[in-house]
Amino acid sequence: MAKTITGVVASKKTDKTIVVAEHVRLTHPLYRKQYTINKRFMAHDEKNEAHEGDKVVIIECRPVSARKHFKLLRVVEKAGVKHVESTSPLDEIIEKPAAEKPEASEKKTEKTEKAEAPAKKPAAKKSAVKKKEEEA
């Protein structure tokens, strides 16, 4: 009888090949500590029907290639829609309303005015000898 493994598709980068990750949680017989074993299997997907995140069942078969010894039996559960956020700086500019842009420039001008103004020098401390001469 051929082995069947249920797992989640971890990668779908190559044509007609999926990588299925199997997560098994076991308890140590002596120490009673729970631990996980993560295994990854390459499987043949003839119709390219499985996608990343799908829960699938794969079955053992004759070697298809050097590392593929399983083939896709069925897709048990489809993955939800994956949300990918854009990191483009143009998105930030588009999202800001036009009213906020002038305020930002006003703040910059205030900062630049402070930087351009000459810094006041603190009054030099007079030494004790100079104070006595002034008093006399």
N, C-alpha and C. Protein backbone atom coordinates (compact mmCIF):
# COMPACT_ATOMS: atom_id res chain seq x y z
N MET A 1 0.85 -1.19 0.00
CA MET A 1 0.00 0.00 0.00
C MET A 1 0.88 1.24 0.00
N ALA A 2 0.55 2.21 -0.81
CA ALA A 2 1.34 3.44 -0.93
C ALA A 2 1.02 4.40 0.21
N LYS A 3 2.03 5.15 0.63
CA LYS A 3 1.84 6.13 1.70
C LYS A 3 1.04 7.31 1.17
N THR A 4 0.17 7.86 2.01
CA THR A 4 -0.52 9.11 1.68
C THR A 4 -0.16 10.12 2.76
N ILE A 5 0.13 11.32 2.35
CA ILE A 5 0.53 12.39 3.26
C ILE A 5 -0.36 13.60 3.02
N THR A 6 -0.86 14.17 4.11
CA THR A 6 -1.65 15.39 4.04
C THR A 6 -0.79 16.53 4.53
N GLY A 7 -0.73 17.60 3.75
CA GLY A 7 0.09 18.74 4.13
C GLY A 7 -0.34 20.00 3.40
N VAL A 8 0.44 21.04 3.58
CA VAL A 8 0.15 22.34 3.00
C VAL A 8 1.21 22.63 1.94
N VAL A 9 0.79 23.17 0.81
CA VAL A 9 1.73 23.50 -0.27
C VAL A 9 2.58 24.69 0.20
N ALA A 10 3.88 24.46 0.29
CA ALA A 10 4.81 25.50 0.76
C ALA A 10 5.40 26.29 -0.40
N SER A 11 5.54 25.66 -1.56
CA SER A 11 6.15 26.34 -2.69
C SER A 11 5.55 25.82 -4.00
N LYS A 12 5.40 26.74 -4.95
CA LYS A 12 4.86 26.39 -6.27
C LYS A 12 5.63 27.16 -7.33
N LYS A 13 6.96 27.15 -7.23
CA LYS A 13 7.77 27.96 -8.13
C LYS A 13 8.13 27.25 -9.42
N THR A 14 8.16 25.93 -9.41
CA THR A 14 8.53 25.20 -10.61
C THR A 14 7.30 24.65 -11.31
N ASP A 15 7.43 24.37 -12.60
CA ASP A 15 6.31 23.88 -13.39
C ASP A 15 6.05 22.41 -13.05
N LYS A 16 4.78 22.08 -12.78
CA LYS A 16 4.33 20.72 -12.49
C LYS A 16 4.97 20.11 -11.26
N THR A 17 5.46 20.95 -10.35
CA THR A 17 6.05 20.46 -9.10
C THR A 17 5.58 21.34 -7.96
N ILE A 18 5.21 20.70 -6.85
CA ILE A 18 4.84 21.42 -5.64
C ILE A 18 5.70 20.89 -4.49
N VAL A 19 5.93 21.72 -3.52
CA VAL A 19 6.61 21.29 -2.30
C VAL A 19 5.57 21.32 -1.19
N VAL A 20 5.35 20.16 -0.58
CA VAL A 20 4.34 20.01 0.45
C VAL A 20 5.02 19.88 1.80
N ALA A 21 4.61 20.71 2.76
CA ALA A 21 5.17 20.69 4.11
C ALA A 21 4.21 19.93 5.02
N GLU A 22 4.76 18.93 5.71
CA GLU A 22 3.97 18.14 6.65
C GLU A 22 4.45 18.48 8.05
N HIS A 23 3.52 18.85 8.93
CA HIS A 23 3.84 19.19 10.31
C HIS A 23 3.25 18.12 11.22
N VAL A 24 4.11 17.42 11.95
CA VAL A 24 3.66 16.36 12.85
C VAL A 24 4.04 16.75 14.27
N ARG A 25 3.08 16.69 15.19
CA ARG A 25 3.33 17.01 16.60
C ARG A 25 3.33 15.71 17.39
N LEU A 26 4.45 15.43 18.04
CA LEU A 26 4.61 14.19 18.79
C LEU A 26 4.94 14.47 20.25
N THR A 27 4.76 13.44 21.09
CA THR A 27 5.13 13.52 22.50
C THR A 27 6.26 12.54 22.75
N HIS A 28 7.30 13.00 23.42
CA HIS A 28 8.44 12.14 23.72
C HIS A 28 7.99 11.06 24.71
N PRO A 29 8.35 9.79 24.46
CA PRO A 29 7.85 8.70 25.31
C PRO A 29 8.37 8.76 26.75
N LEU A 30 9.57 9.22 26.96
CA LEU A 30 10.13 9.23 28.31
C LEU A 30 9.88 10.56 29.02
N TYR A 31 10.14 11.67 28.35
CA TYR A 31 10.07 12.98 28.99
C TYR A 31 8.71 13.66 28.87
N ARG A 32 7.81 13.13 28.08
CA ARG A 32 6.45 13.66 27.89
C ARG A 32 6.45 15.11 27.40
N LYS A 33 7.49 15.49 26.70
CA LYS A 33 7.59 16.83 26.14
C LYS A 33 7.09 16.78 24.70
N GLN A 34 6.24 17.74 24.32
CA GLN A 34 5.73 17.76 22.95
C GLN A 34 6.71 18.49 22.04
N TYR A 35 6.89 17.99 20.84
CA TYR A 35 7.77 18.60 19.86
C TYR A 35 7.19 18.38 18.48
N THR A 36 7.63 19.21 17.53
CA THR A 36 7.11 19.12 16.17
C THR A 36 8.21 18.64 15.22
N ILE A 37 7.78 17.90 14.22
CA ILE A 37 8.67 17.46 13.15
C ILE A 37 8.11 18.04 11.86
N ASN A 38 8.94 18.79 11.16
CA ASN A 38 8.52 19.40 9.89
C ASN A 38 9.27 18.71 8.76
N LYS A 39 8.52 18.16 7.81
CA LYS A 39 9.12 17.51 6.66
C LYS A 39 8.57 18.15 5.39
N ARG A 40 9.41 18.19 4.37
CA ARG A 40 9.01 18.75 3.08
C ARG A 40 9.19 17.68 2.01
N PHE A 41 8.14 17.51 1.21
CA PHE A 41 8.16 16.52 0.13
C PHE A 41 7.89 17.22 -1.19
N MET A 42 8.62 16.83 -2.22
CA MET A 42 8.34 17.32 -3.56
C MET A 42 7.38 16.36 -4.22
N ALA A 43 6.34 16.91 -4.85
CA ALA A 43 5.32 16.08 -5.47
C ALA A 43 5.04 16.57 -6.88
N HIS A 44 4.62 15.64 -7.74
CA HIS A 44 4.32 15.94 -9.14
C HIS A 44 2.87 16.40 -9.24
N ASP A 45 2.66 17.58 -9.83
CA ASP A 45 1.33 18.15 -10.03
C ASP A 45 1.13 18.31 -11.54
N GLU A 46 0.57 17.31 -12.18
CA GLU A 46 0.47 17.25 -13.64
C GLU A 46 -0.33 18.41 -14.22
N LYS A 47 -1.44 18.80 -13.58
CA LYS A 47 -2.33 19.83 -14.13
C LYS A 47 -2.08 21.23 -13.55
N ASN A 48 -1.08 21.36 -12.68
CA ASN A 48 -0.79 22.64 -12.01
C ASN A 48 -2.02 23.20 -11.31
N GLU A 49 -2.74 22.35 -10.59
CA GLU A 49 -3.97 22.78 -9.95
C GLU A 49 -3.78 23.25 -8.51
N ALA A 50 -2.71 22.89 -7.86
CA ALA A 50 -2.47 23.30 -6.47
C ALA A 50 -1.68 24.60 -6.44
N HIS A 51 -1.96 25.45 -5.43
CA HIS A 51 -1.28 26.72 -5.26
C HIS A 51 -0.77 26.82 -3.83
N GLU A 52 0.08 27.81 -3.57
CA GLU A 52 0.65 27.97 -2.23
C GLU A 52 -0.45 28.17 -1.20
N GLY A 53 -0.33 27.46 -0.08
CA GLY A 53 -1.30 27.58 1.01
C GLY A 53 -2.43 26.56 0.94
N ASP A 54 -2.59 25.86 -0.19
CA ASP A 54 -3.65 24.85 -0.31
C ASP A 54 -3.32 23.64 0.55
N LYS A 55 -4.35 23.04 1.13
CA LYS A 55 -4.18 21.79 1.86
C LYS A 55 -4.40 20.66 0.85
N VAL A 56 -3.40 19.76 0.73
CA VAL A 56 -3.45 18.74 -0.31
C VAL A 56 -3.12 17.36 0.28
N VAL A 57 -3.48 16.33 -0.49
CA VAL A 57 -3.12 14.95 -0.17
C VAL A 57 -2.23 14.46 -1.31
N ILE A 58 -1.05 13.94 -0.94
CA ILE A 58 -0.15 13.38 -1.95
C ILE A 58 0.03 11.90 -1.66
N ILE A 59 0.31 11.14 -2.71
CA ILE A 59 0.43 9.70 -2.59
C ILE A 59 1.78 9.27 -3.17
N GLU A 60 2.37 8.26 -2.55
CA GLU A 60 3.65 7.76 -3.00
C GLU A 60 3.51 7.06 -4.34
N CYS A 61 4.50 7.24 -5.21
CA CYS A 61 4.48 6.63 -6.54
C CYS A 61 5.91 6.31 -6.96
N ARG A 62 6.07 5.80 -8.15
CA ARG A 62 7.42 5.53 -8.66
C ARG A 62 8.15 6.86 -8.81
N PRO A 63 9.47 6.87 -8.77
CA PRO A 63 10.20 8.12 -8.88
C PRO A 63 9.95 8.83 -10.21
N VAL A 64 9.51 10.07 -10.12
CA VAL A 64 9.27 10.88 -11.31
C VAL A 64 10.57 11.58 -11.70
N SER A 65 11.34 11.97 -10.70
CA SER A 65 12.66 12.57 -10.91
C SER A 65 13.53 12.19 -9.72
N ALA A 66 14.70 12.80 -9.60
CA ALA A 66 15.63 12.44 -8.54
C ALA A 66 15.06 12.71 -7.14
N ARG A 67 14.26 13.77 -7.00
CA ARG A 67 13.72 14.13 -5.68
C ARG A 67 12.21 13.98 -5.55
N LYS A 68 11.51 13.67 -6.64
CA LYS A 68 10.04 13.55 -6.60
C LYS A 68 9.63 12.08 -6.57
N HIS A 69 9.05 11.69 -5.44
CA HIS A 69 8.56 10.32 -5.28
C HIS A 69 7.08 10.29 -4.91
N PHE A 70 6.41 11.44 -5.03
CA PHE A 70 5.00 11.56 -4.71
C PHE A 70 4.29 12.26 -5.86
N LYS A 71 2.97 12.03 -5.94
CA LYS A 71 2.17 12.78 -6.90
C LYS A 71 0.93 13.29 -6.19
N LEU A 72 0.36 14.35 -6.72
CA LEU A 72 -0.81 14.99 -6.11
C LEU A 72 -2.02 14.09 -6.30
N LEU A 73 -2.70 13.76 -5.21
CA LEU A 73 -3.91 12.96 -5.28
C LEU A 73 -5.14 13.86 -5.40
N ARG A 74 -5.25 14.85 -4.47
CA ARG A 74 -6.37 15.79 -4.54
C ARG A 74 -6.08 17.02 -3.69
N VAL A 75 -6.78 18.10 -4.01
CA VAL A 75 -6.72 19.33 -3.22
C VAL A 75 -7.88 19.29 -2.24
N VAL A 76 -7.57 19.27 -0.94
CA VAL A 76 -8.61 19.16 0.08
C VAL A 76 -9.25 20.52 0.33
N GLU A 77 -8.43 21.55 0.46
CA GLU A 77 -8.94 22.88 0.81
C GLU A 77 -8.12 23.94 0.09
N LYS A 78 -8.80 24.87 -0.56
CA LYS A 78 -8.11 25.96 -1.26
C LYS A 78 -7.70 27.02 -0.24
N ALA A 79 -6.58 27.68 -0.50
CA ALA A 79 -6.10 28.75 0.36
C ALA A 79 -6.91 30.01 0.10
N GLY A 80 -6.97 30.87 1.10
CA GLY A 80 -7.64 32.15 0.93
C GLY A 80 -6.82 33.07 0.06
N VAL A 81 -7.35 34.24 -0.23
CA VAL A 81 -6.66 35.21 -1.05
C VAL A 81 -5.52 35.81 -0.24
N LYS A 82 -4.32 35.80 -0.81
CA LYS A 82 -3.16 36.33 -0.11
C LYS A 82 -3.08 37.82 -0.37
N HIS A 83 -2.97 38.60 0.72
CA HIS A 83 -2.86 40.06 0.61
C HIS A 83 -1.39 40.44 0.63
N VAL A 84 -0.95 41.13 -0.43
CA VAL A 84 0.44 41.58 -0.52
C VAL A 84 0.44 43.09 -0.57
N GLU A 85 1.12 43.73 0.40
CA GLU A 85 1.17 45.19 0.42
C GLU A 85 2.30 45.69 -0.45
N SER A 86 2.01 46.77 -1.13
CA SER A 86 3.01 47.38 -1.99
C SER A 86 3.93 48.26 -1.16
N THR A 87 5.20 48.29 -1.51
CA THR A 87 6.16 49.14 -0.81
C THR A 87 6.65 50.27 -1.70
N SER A 88 5.89 50.59 -2.72
CA SER A 88 6.28 51.64 -3.66
C SER A 88 6.10 53.01 -3.01
N PRO A 89 7.06 53.92 -3.16
CA PRO A 89 6.90 55.26 -2.59
C PRO A 89 5.81 56.07 -3.28
N LEU A 90 5.43 55.69 -4.50
CA LEU A 90 4.36 56.40 -5.20
C LEU A 90 3.02 56.21 -4.53
N ASP A 91 2.80 55.05 -3.90
CA ASP A 91 1.53 54.79 -3.22
C ASP A 91 1.33 55.77 -2.07
N GLU A 92 2.40 56.11 -1.35
CA GLU A 92 2.28 57.04 -0.24
C GLU A 92 1.90 58.43 -0.73
N ILE A 93 2.44 58.84 -1.86
CA ILE A 93 2.15 60.16 -2.40
C ILE A 93 0.71 60.23 -2.87
N ILE A 94 0.22 59.18 -3.50
CA ILE A 94 -1.14 59.15 -4.02
C ILE A 94 -2.16 59.15 -2.90
N GLU A 95 -1.87 58.45 -1.79
CA GLU A 95 -2.82 58.32 -0.69
C GLU A 95 -3.01 59.62 0.08
N LYS A 96 -2.00 60.50 0.14
CA LYS A 96 -2.10 61.74 0.90
C LYS A 96 -3.02 62.72 0.19
N PRO A 97 -3.97 63.32 0.90
CA PRO A 97 -4.83 64.33 0.28
C PRO A 97 -4.02 65.59 -0.03
N ALA A 98 -4.52 66.39 -0.98
CA ALA A 98 -3.81 67.58 -1.42
C ALA A 98 -3.72 68.63 -0.30
N ALA A 99 -4.67 68.63 0.66
CA ALA A 99 -4.67 69.61 1.74
C ALA A 99 -3.49 69.40 2.68
N GLU A 100 -3.02 68.21 2.83
CA GLU A 100 -1.93 67.94 3.77
C GLU A 100 -0.57 68.35 3.21
N LYS A 101 -0.41 68.34 1.93
CA LYS A 101 0.89 68.63 1.33
C LYS A 101 1.39 70.04 1.65
N PRO A 102 0.56 71.13 1.54
CA PRO A 102 1.07 72.47 1.87
C PRO A 102 1.48 72.59 3.34
N GLU A 103 0.73 71.95 4.25
CA GLU A 103 1.07 72.01 5.67
C GLU A 103 2.45 71.43 5.90
N ALA A 104 2.75 70.36 5.24
CA ALA A 104 4.06 69.74 5.39
C ALA A 104 5.15 70.69 4.92
N SER A 105 4.90 71.42 3.83
CA SER A 105 5.90 72.35 3.33
C SER A 105 6.05 73.53 4.28
N GLU A 106 4.94 74.00 4.93
CA GLU A 106 5.03 75.09 5.89
C GLU A 106 5.89 74.69 7.08
N LYS A 107 5.72 73.47 7.54
CA LYS A 107 6.52 72.99 8.67
C LYS A 107 8.00 72.98 8.30
N LYS A 108 8.29 72.59 7.09
CA LYS A 108 9.68 72.56 6.65
C LYS A 108 10.26 73.97 6.62
N THR A 109 9.46 74.97 6.19
CA THR A 109 9.97 76.33 6.11
C THR A 109 10.24 76.88 7.51
N GLU A 110 9.40 76.56 8.49
CA GLU A 110 9.64 77.01 9.86
C GLU A 110 10.95 76.44 10.38
N LYS A 111 11.19 75.18 10.10
CA LYS A 111 12.42 74.55 10.55
C LYS A 111 13.63 75.18 9.88
N THR A 112 13.51 75.47 8.60
CA THR A 112 14.65 76.05 7.88
C THR A 112 14.91 77.47 8.36
N GLU A 113 13.85 78.23 8.72
CA GLU A 113 14.04 79.58 9.24
C GLU A 113 14.82 79.54 10.55
N LYS A 114 14.49 78.60 11.40
CA LYS A 114 15.21 78.47 12.68
C LYS A 114 16.66 78.11 12.43
N ALA A 115 16.90 77.27 11.45
CA ALA A 115 18.27 76.86 11.16
C ALA A 115 19.06 78.01 10.55
N GLU A 116 18.40 78.89 9.76
CA GLU A 116 19.09 80.00 9.11
C GLU A 116 19.39 81.14 10.07
N ALA A 117 18.56 81.32 11.11
CA ALA A 117 18.77 82.42 12.07
C ALA A 117 20.08 82.18 12.82
N PRO A 118 20.87 83.25 13.02
CA PRO A 118 22.15 83.07 13.73
C PRO A 118 21.90 82.70 15.19
N ALA A 119 22.70 81.80 15.68
CA ALA A 119 22.55 81.36 17.06
C ALA A 119 23.11 82.43 17.97
N LYS A 120 22.41 82.70 19.08
CA LYS A 120 22.87 83.70 20.05
C LYS A 120 23.98 83.07 20.88
N LYS A 121 25.05 83.82 21.03
CA LYS A 121 26.15 83.34 21.83
C LYS A 121 25.88 83.68 23.28
N PRO A 122 26.13 82.75 24.17
CA PRO A 122 25.93 83.06 25.60
C PRO A 122 26.96 84.09 26.06
N ALA A 123 26.57 84.93 27.01
CA ALA A 123 27.47 85.95 27.51
C ALA A 123 28.67 85.29 28.17
N ALA A 124 29.85 85.81 27.88
CA ALA A 124 31.07 85.24 28.44
C ALA A 124 31.13 85.52 29.92
N LYS A 125 31.57 84.56 30.68
CA LYS A 125 31.68 84.73 32.13
C LYS A 125 32.92 85.57 32.43
N LYS A 126 32.73 86.49 33.32
CA LYS A 126 33.84 87.36 33.70
C LYS A 126 34.62 86.68 34.82
N SER A 127 35.88 86.79 34.73
CA SER A 127 36.70 86.19 35.78
C SER A 127 36.63 87.04 37.03
N ALA A 128 37.06 86.49 38.14
CA ALA A 128 37.00 87.19 39.43
C ALA A 128 37.91 88.42 39.42
N VAL A 129 39.04 88.37 38.71
CA VAL A 129 39.98 89.48 38.67
C VAL A 129 39.34 90.67 37.95
N LYS A 130 38.65 90.42 36.84
CA LYS A 130 38.02 91.50 36.07
C LYS A 130 36.89 92.12 36.87
N LYS A 131 36.15 91.32 37.65
CA LYS A 131 35.06 91.87 38.46
C LYS A 131 35.61 92.83 39.51
N LYS A 132 36.71 92.49 40.13
CA LYS A 132 37.31 93.36 41.18
C LYS A 132 37.78 94.66 40.56
N GLU A 133 38.36 94.58 39.33
CA GLU A 133 38.83 95.80 38.68
C GLU A 133 37.69 96.73 38.33
N GLU A 134 36.56 96.19 37.92
CA GLU A 134 35.41 97.00 37.57
C GLU A 134 34.82 97.67 38.83
N GLU A 135 34.81 96.96 39.94
CA GLU A 135 34.25 97.50 41.17
C GLU A 135 35.13 98.65 41.71
N ALA A 136 36.39 98.58 41.52
CA ALA A 136 37.30 99.58 42.08
C ALA A 136 37.34 100.87 41.31
